Amino acid sequence: MRRREFITLISGAAVVWPRAVRAQKSGNLRRVGLLMVYQERNPEVQGWLAAFRKALEKLGWTENQNIHFEFRWTGVDLDRIQQGARELIELQPDLIIASSSPSTAALIQQTRTIPIVFVNIVDPIGQGFVASLSRPGGNATGLVNLETSMAGKLLELLKDVMPHLTRVAIPFHPATSPYADFYLKYFKSTASTLGAEVIAAPVHDIAALEAFAAAQARESNTGIVPVPSAFMLVHLIEMAAMMVRYRLPAVHFDRAFVEAGGLLSYGNDIADNYRRSGTFVDRILKGDKPSDLPVEFPVKFDLAVNLNAAKALGLIVPPTLLATADEVIE
């Protein structure tokens, strides 16, 4: 086959595929886009998606029979997130899943008509995604990942393993956690009741995170509570190792940090949020409007403890804390 004929054949195939999907859409096949700010090979993220698929199957949606998924894997780069949003919107799916605040913002900036279901974000009102939690009012709704009482719980856990805690350093990645002020507000009000000072620290890349850890290691009685974000999840292995290397007790927001060698984690079960998002997808595909579906809060939380990390940090984990943990790594 000559080169020109080959290129023509490939170009033709690229045109036929979207037409074929559109033809199926006119029948029973519904299309759902997913804008994922992670790496496709991430096993934890694939676990979330497995929970999402299973929930939809229970509701009667079978992949490539009556529902088709179109993914865009962008990582945390904002330009790639914007590009991924444009590509999904151009496909005109029935609905788009947004995995984070930056992906939700990119989608809402570009469409006010295609329904959007966000799965794991903070402060949707403050970020302008919804008018209210009970009546979102626009084309987006979904699930949040921070219930405000969590601020107190995370600090109490840190105090349990650090009785002399006087400083709480909170690193955040500005690009992927635009809600950081919302998060910090609750920590500052809670920390004051424990007699601890809160230090907010923006970190723009992994080198800045290393510099942050080195600086905090020079201060006594300091604990770390990172702001939840896609950036922190992408770098969870480095983050967990860094905290132990600099002898900084940290309470993370996801058990994957503890499984990677971190000390403590307490947070909502993200897989459960993805599972519950299946109900939003089902209702919207059956005719409900996002504007009428209330935003939901997490209902399942996990506490995980890594005793190896505690030993490396020279800390004693109280038996009462161990007794309430969902997972203890020894």
Protein backbone atom coordinates (compact mmCIF):
# COMPACT_ATOMS: atom_id res chain seq x y z
CA MET A 1 0.00 0.00 0.00
CA ARG A 2 1.35 3.41 -0.93
CA ARG A 3 1.88 6.06 1.74
CA ARG A 4 -0.88 8.38 0.46
CA GLU A 5 -3.41 5.53 0.36
CA PHE A 6 -2.44 4.50 3.91
CA ILE A 7 -2.90 8.03 5.27
CA THR A 8 -6.26 8.31 3.53
CA LEU A 9 -7.38 5.01 5.03
CA ILE A 10 -6.35 6.02 8.56
CA SER A 11 -7.99 9.45 8.23
CA GLY A 12 -11.18 7.84 7.01
CA ALA A 13 -11.22 5.47 9.97
CA ALA A 14 -10.85 8.43 12.36
CA VAL A 15 -13.96 9.99 10.85
CA VAL A 16 -16.00 6.80 10.81
CA TRP A 17 -15.55 6.04 14.52
CA PRO A 18 -17.32 9.18 15.85
CA ARG A 19 -20.10 8.68 13.28
CA ALA A 20 -20.52 5.12 14.45
CA VAL A 21 -20.77 6.24 18.07
CA ARG A 22 -23.27 8.95 17.10
CA ALA A 23 -25.31 6.36 15.29
CA GLN A 24 -25.34 4.17 18.40
CA LYS A 25 -26.26 7.17 20.52
CA SER A 26 -29.40 7.66 18.47
CA GLY A 27 -30.40 4.19 19.67
CA ASN A 28 -29.69 3.02 23.21
CA LEU A 29 -26.03 3.91 23.72
CA ARG A 30 -25.40 6.87 26.02
CA ARG A 31 -22.01 8.56 26.19
CA VAL A 32 -20.30 9.70 29.38
CA GLY A 33 -17.05 11.66 29.36
CA LEU A 34 -14.59 11.46 32.26
CA LEU A 35 -12.02 14.22 32.80
CA MET A 36 -9.40 12.62 35.05
CA VAL A 37 -6.55 14.66 36.54
CA TYR A 38 -4.53 11.53 37.30
CA GLN A 39 -2.38 9.03 35.45
CA GLU A 40 -4.27 6.19 33.80
CA ARG A 41 -1.95 3.55 35.28
CA ASN A 42 -2.61 4.66 38.87
CA PRO A 43 -4.03 1.52 40.57
CA GLU A 44 -5.91 3.49 43.22
CA VAL A 45 -7.70 5.56 40.59
CA GLN A 46 -8.56 2.40 38.67
CA GLY A 47 -10.08 1.10 41.91
CA TRP A 48 -12.29 4.19 42.12
CA LEU A 49 -13.41 3.65 38.54
CA ALA A 50 -14.14 -0.02 39.22
CA ALA A 51 -16.50 1.08 42.01
CA PHE A 52 -18.12 3.57 39.61
CA ARG A 53 -18.62 0.94 36.89
CA LYS A 54 -20.01 -1.59 39.36
CA ALA A 55 -22.53 0.93 40.68
CA LEU A 56 -23.73 1.68 37.15
CA GLU A 57 -24.00 -2.01 36.31
CA LYS A 58 -26.29 -2.49 39.31
CA LEU A 59 -28.46 0.30 37.91
CA GLY A 60 -28.68 -1.42 34.52
CA TRP A 61 -25.87 0.31 32.61
CA THR A 62 -23.47 -2.04 30.82
CA GLU A 63 -20.36 -0.61 29.20
CA ASN A 64 -20.43 -0.66 25.38
CA GLN A 65 -23.98 -2.02 25.39
CA ASN A 66 -26.05 0.92 26.57
CA ILE A 67 -23.29 3.22 27.89
CA HIS A 68 -19.90 4.28 26.50
CA PHE A 69 -17.10 5.97 28.45
CA GLU A 70 -14.75 8.49 26.87
CA PHE A 71 -11.69 9.31 29.02
CA ARG A 72 -9.24 12.17 29.03
CA TRP A 73 -6.25 11.61 31.35
CA THR A 74 -4.58 14.98 31.92
CA GLY A 75 -2.48 14.85 35.06
CA VAL A 76 -2.39 18.06 37.09
CA ASP A 77 -1.18 20.38 34.31
CA LEU A 78 -3.81 23.11 33.91
CA ASP A 79 -3.28 23.51 30.15
CA ARG A 80 -3.82 19.79 29.62
CA ILE A 81 -6.94 19.91 31.80
CA GLN A 82 -8.34 22.74 29.66
CA GLN A 83 -7.50 20.81 26.48
CA GLY A 84 -9.10 17.64 27.83
CA ALA A 85 -12.24 19.58 28.68
CA ARG A 86 -12.42 21.02 25.15
CA GLU A 87 -12.00 17.61 23.57
CA LEU A 88 -14.74 16.03 25.65
CA ILE A 89 -17.16 18.90 25.07
CA GLU A 90 -16.57 18.70 21.32
CA LEU A 91 -17.77 15.08 21.46
CA GLN A 92 -21.09 16.33 22.90
CA PRO A 93 -21.55 13.50 25.43
CA ASP A 94 -24.71 13.11 27.48
CA LEU A 95 -22.81 13.88 30.68
CA ILE A 96 -19.24 14.51 31.92
CA ILE A 97 -17.66 13.31 35.18
CA ALA A 98 -15.18 15.79 36.71
CA SER A 99 -12.60 14.27 39.05
CA SER A 100 -11.38 17.45 40.77
CA SER A 101 -11.92 21.16 41.28
CA PRO A 102 -9.66 22.18 38.36
CA SER A 103 -11.41 19.78 35.98
CA THR A 104 -14.83 20.99 37.15
CA ALA A 105 -13.79 24.61 36.66
CA ALA A 106 -12.45 23.90 33.16
CA LEU A 107 -15.69 22.20 32.13
CA ILE A 108 -18.00 24.85 33.57
CA GLN A 109 -15.99 27.58 31.85
CA GLN A 110 -16.58 25.88 28.52
CA THR A 111 -20.14 24.56 28.75
CA ARG A 112 -23.30 25.54 30.57
CA THR A 113 -25.44 22.95 28.84
CA ILE A 114 -23.78 19.52 29.15
CA PRO A 115 -24.50 18.04 32.61
CA ILE A 116 -21.43 17.78 34.87
CA VAL A 117 -21.08 15.51 37.90
CA PHE A 118 -18.15 16.37 40.16
CA VAL A 119 -17.02 13.49 42.33
CA ASN A 120 -14.57 14.66 44.97
CA ILE A 121 -14.20 18.42 45.45
CA VAL A 122 -14.17 21.09 48.15
CA ASP A 123 -16.47 24.12 48.54
CA PRO A 124 -18.57 24.01 45.33
CA ILE A 125 -20.42 27.17 46.36
CA GLY A 126 -17.28 29.21 47.00
CA GLN A 127 -15.79 28.06 43.71
CA GLY A 128 -18.92 29.11 41.83
CA PHE A 129 -19.91 25.64 40.67
CA VAL A 130 -23.35 25.66 42.29
CA ALA A 131 -25.74 28.30 43.65
CA SER A 132 -26.52 26.25 46.77
CA LEU A 133 -26.02 22.70 48.01
CA SER A 134 -29.72 21.88 48.03
CA ARG A 135 -30.52 23.55 44.69
CA PRO A 136 -27.35 23.68 42.54
CA GLY A 137 -29.15 25.70 39.89
CA GLY A 138 -26.79 25.18 36.94
CA ASN A 139 -25.48 22.26 34.91
CA ALA A 140 -23.27 20.80 37.69
CA THR A 141 -23.84 18.79 40.85
CA GLY A 142 -22.17 15.90 42.63
CA LEU A 143 -20.23 15.01 45.77
CA VAL A 144 -17.79 16.87 47.99
CA ASN A 145 -14.94 15.36 49.99
CA LEU A 146 -14.60 17.66 53.00
CA GLU A 147 -17.09 17.80 55.83
CA THR A 148 -16.05 20.73 58.04
CA SER A 149 -15.82 18.66 61.25
CA MET A 150 -12.92 16.81 59.62
CA ALA A 151 -10.64 19.73 60.51
CA GLY A 152 -11.10 19.01 64.19
CA LYS A 153 -10.72 15.26 63.71
CA LEU A 154 -7.43 15.55 61.80
CA LEU A 155 -5.92 17.86 64.39
CA GLU A 156 -7.09 15.64 67.24
CA LEU A 157 -5.35 12.68 65.60
CA LEU A 158 -2.15 14.68 65.31
CA LYS A 159 -2.44 15.71 68.96
CA ASP A 160 -2.98 12.06 69.97
CA VAL A 161 0.44 11.08 68.65
CA MET A 162 2.09 14.45 69.42
CA PRO A 163 0.93 15.56 72.89
CA HIS A 164 3.30 18.57 72.76
CA LEU A 165 2.05 19.79 69.36
CA THR A 166 2.42 23.58 69.03
CA ARG A 167 2.68 24.10 65.26
CA VAL A 168 0.60 22.71 62.39
CA ALA A 169 2.07 23.31 58.94
CA ILE A 170 -0.40 22.94 56.07
CA PRO A 171 1.14 22.63 52.60
CA PHE A 172 -1.12 23.22 49.61
CA HIS A 173 -0.72 23.25 45.84
CA PRO A 174 -2.40 26.47 44.61
CA ALA A 175 -3.18 25.26 41.08
CA THR A 176 -5.02 22.10 42.14
CA SER A 177 -6.45 23.39 45.44
CA PRO A 178 -8.02 26.79 44.69
CA TYR A 179 -10.23 26.14 47.74
CA ALA A 180 -7.26 26.26 50.15
CA ASP A 181 -8.59 29.33 52.01
CA PHE A 182 -11.85 27.48 52.74
CA TYR A 183 -9.87 24.53 54.07
CA LEU A 184 -7.50 26.68 56.13
CA LYS A 185 -10.29 28.68 57.76
CA TYR A 186 -11.58 25.65 59.64
CA PHE A 187 -8.11 24.50 60.63
CA LYS A 188 -7.15 27.87 62.05
CA SER A 189 -10.29 28.07 64.18
CA THR A 190 -9.84 24.50 65.42
CA ALA A 191 -6.10 24.71 66.04
CA SER A 192 -6.55 27.66 68.38
CA THR A 193 -8.57 25.47 70.75
CA LEU A 194 -5.61 23.06 70.89
CA GLY A 195 -3.10 25.81 71.53
CA ALA A 196 -1.42 25.28 68.18
CA GLU A 197 -0.36 27.75 65.50
CA VAL A 198 -1.30 27.11 61.84
CA ILE A 199 1.27 27.84 59.13
CA ALA A 200 -0.05 27.81 55.55
CA ALA A 201 2.58 26.96 52.94
CA PRO A 202 1.98 27.09 49.17
CA VAL A 203 4.10 24.57 47.26
CA HIS A 204 4.17 24.75 43.47
CA ASP A 205 6.15 21.62 42.66
CA ILE A 206 7.89 18.64 44.24
CA ALA A 207 11.11 20.65 44.80
CA ALA A 208 9.13 23.25 46.76
CA LEU A 209 7.54 20.46 48.79
CA GLU A 210 11.02 19.18 49.69
CA ALA A 211 12.12 22.67 50.73
CA PHE A 212 8.96 23.00 52.83
CA ALA A 213 9.69 19.73 54.63
CA ALA A 214 13.30 20.72 55.31
CA ALA A 215 12.18 24.06 56.75
CA GLN A 216 9.56 22.50 59.03
CA ALA A 217 12.04 19.90 60.28
CA ARG A 218 14.02 22.74 61.87
CA GLU A 219 11.04 23.68 64.05
CA SER A 220 10.12 21.70 67.15
CA ASN A 221 6.70 20.16 67.94
CA THR A 222 5.49 20.57 64.35
CA GLY A 223 2.94 18.35 62.65
CA ILE A 224 1.82 18.34 59.01
CA VAL A 225 -1.69 18.25 57.51
CA PRO A 226 -1.56 18.55 53.69
CA VAL A 227 -4.52 20.10 51.88
CA PRO A 228 -6.26 17.43 49.78
CA SER A 229 -5.55 17.84 46.07
CA ALA A 230 -4.70 15.92 42.93
CA PHE A 231 -1.10 17.18 43.21
CA MET A 232 -0.67 15.56 46.62
CA LEU A 233 -2.17 12.30 45.38
CA VAL A 234 0.07 12.24 42.31
CA HIS A 235 3.11 12.64 44.58
CA LEU A 236 1.88 10.52 47.48
CA ILE A 237 4.88 8.14 47.49
CA GLU A 238 7.37 11.02 47.60
CA MET A 239 5.23 12.85 50.16
CA ALA A 240 4.95 9.89 52.53
CA ALA A 241 8.69 9.16 52.33
CA MET A 242 9.57 12.83 52.77
CA MET A 243 7.60 13.19 56.00
CA VAL A 244 9.35 10.19 57.57
CA ARG A 245 12.77 11.22 56.26
CA TYR A 246 12.46 14.65 57.83
CA ARG A 247 10.86 13.17 60.97
CA LEU A 248 7.64 15.13 60.51
CA PRO A 249 4.45 13.48 61.85
CA ALA A 250 1.72 13.95 59.23
CA VAL A 251 -1.98 13.19 58.98
CA HIS A 252 -2.94 12.62 55.35
CA PHE A 253 -6.36 12.67 53.72
CA ASP A 254 -6.20 9.29 51.99
CA ARG A 255 -5.12 5.84 53.19
CA ALA A 256 -2.91 5.43 50.11
CA PHE A 257 -0.39 7.68 51.88
CA VAL A 258 -0.27 5.30 54.86
CA GLU A 259 0.05 2.30 52.56
CA ALA A 260 2.99 4.12 50.95
CA GLY A 261 4.72 4.55 54.34
CA GLY A 262 3.01 7.61 55.85
CA LEU A 263 2.01 7.80 59.52
CA LEU A 264 -1.73 8.50 59.68
CA SER A 265 -4.65 9.13 57.38
CA TYR A 266 -8.24 10.08 57.93
CA GLY A 267 -10.64 11.02 55.18
CA ASN A 268 -13.63 10.10 53.12
CA ASP A 269 -13.54 6.90 51.11
CA ILE A 270 -13.01 8.29 47.61
CA ALA A 271 -14.07 5.01 46.02
CA ASP A 272 -17.38 5.37 47.84
CA ASN A 273 -17.85 8.83 46.31
CA TYR A 274 -17.28 7.33 42.85
CA ARG A 275 -19.72 4.55 43.69
CA ARG A 276 -22.37 7.05 44.75
CA SER A 277 -21.75 9.19 41.68
CA GLY A 278 -23.25 6.33 39.67
CA THR A 279 -26.66 7.30 41.04
CA PHE A 280 -26.21 10.87 39.77
CA VAL A 281 -25.29 9.56 36.33
CA ASP A 282 -28.25 7.19 36.29
CA ARG A 283 -30.74 9.89 37.28
CA ILE A 284 -29.42 12.46 34.81
CA LEU A 285 -29.38 9.97 31.93
CA LYS A 286 -32.99 9.14 32.80
CA GLY A 287 -34.07 12.77 32.62
CA ASP A 288 -33.31 14.53 35.91
CA LYS A 289 -31.58 17.91 35.75
CA PRO A 290 -28.33 18.58 37.64
CA SER A 291 -29.87 21.82 38.87
CA ASP A 292 -32.43 19.81 40.85
CA LEU A 293 -30.08 17.20 42.37
CA PRO A 294 -28.64 18.29 45.77
CA VAL A 295 -24.90 18.13 46.34
CA GLU A 296 -24.04 15.28 48.70
CA PHE A 297 -21.48 14.96 51.48
CA PRO A 298 -19.27 11.94 52.18
CA VAL A 299 -20.77 9.28 54.41
CA LYS A 300 -17.89 6.80 54.70
CA PHE A 301 -14.58 7.68 56.36
CA ASP A 302 -11.42 5.65 56.95
CA LEU A 303 -8.75 5.88 59.63
CA ALA A 304 -5.42 4.18 58.85
CA VAL A 305 -2.25 3.91 60.96
CA ASN A 306 1.24 2.80 59.99
CA LEU A 307 3.11 1.53 63.06
CA ASN A 308 6.36 1.22 61.11
CA ALA A 309 6.23 4.94 60.39
CA ALA A 310 5.40 5.68 64.03
CA LYS A 311 8.46 3.71 65.13
CA ALA A 312 10.69 5.53 62.63
CA LEU A 313 9.38 8.85 63.96
CA GLY A 314 9.84 7.81 67.59
CA LEU A 315 6.13 8.12 68.34
CA ILE A 316 3.77 5.98 70.38
CA VAL A 317 0.29 5.47 68.93
CA PRO A 318 -2.28 5.27 71.77
CA PRO A 319 -4.11 1.93 72.05
CA THR A 320 -7.46 3.76 71.87
CA LEU A 321 -6.52 5.15 68.46
CA LEU A 322 -5.41 1.75 67.22
CA ALA A 323 -8.68 0.24 68.40
CA THR A 324 -10.71 2.61 66.24
CA ALA A 325 -8.53 2.35 63.11
CA ASP A 326 -9.95 0.72 59.99
CA GLU A 327 -6.46 -0.37 58.94
CA VAL A 328 -3.26 -0.86 60.93
CA ILE A 329 -0.02 -1.54 59.08
CA GLU A 330 2.68 -3.25 61.18
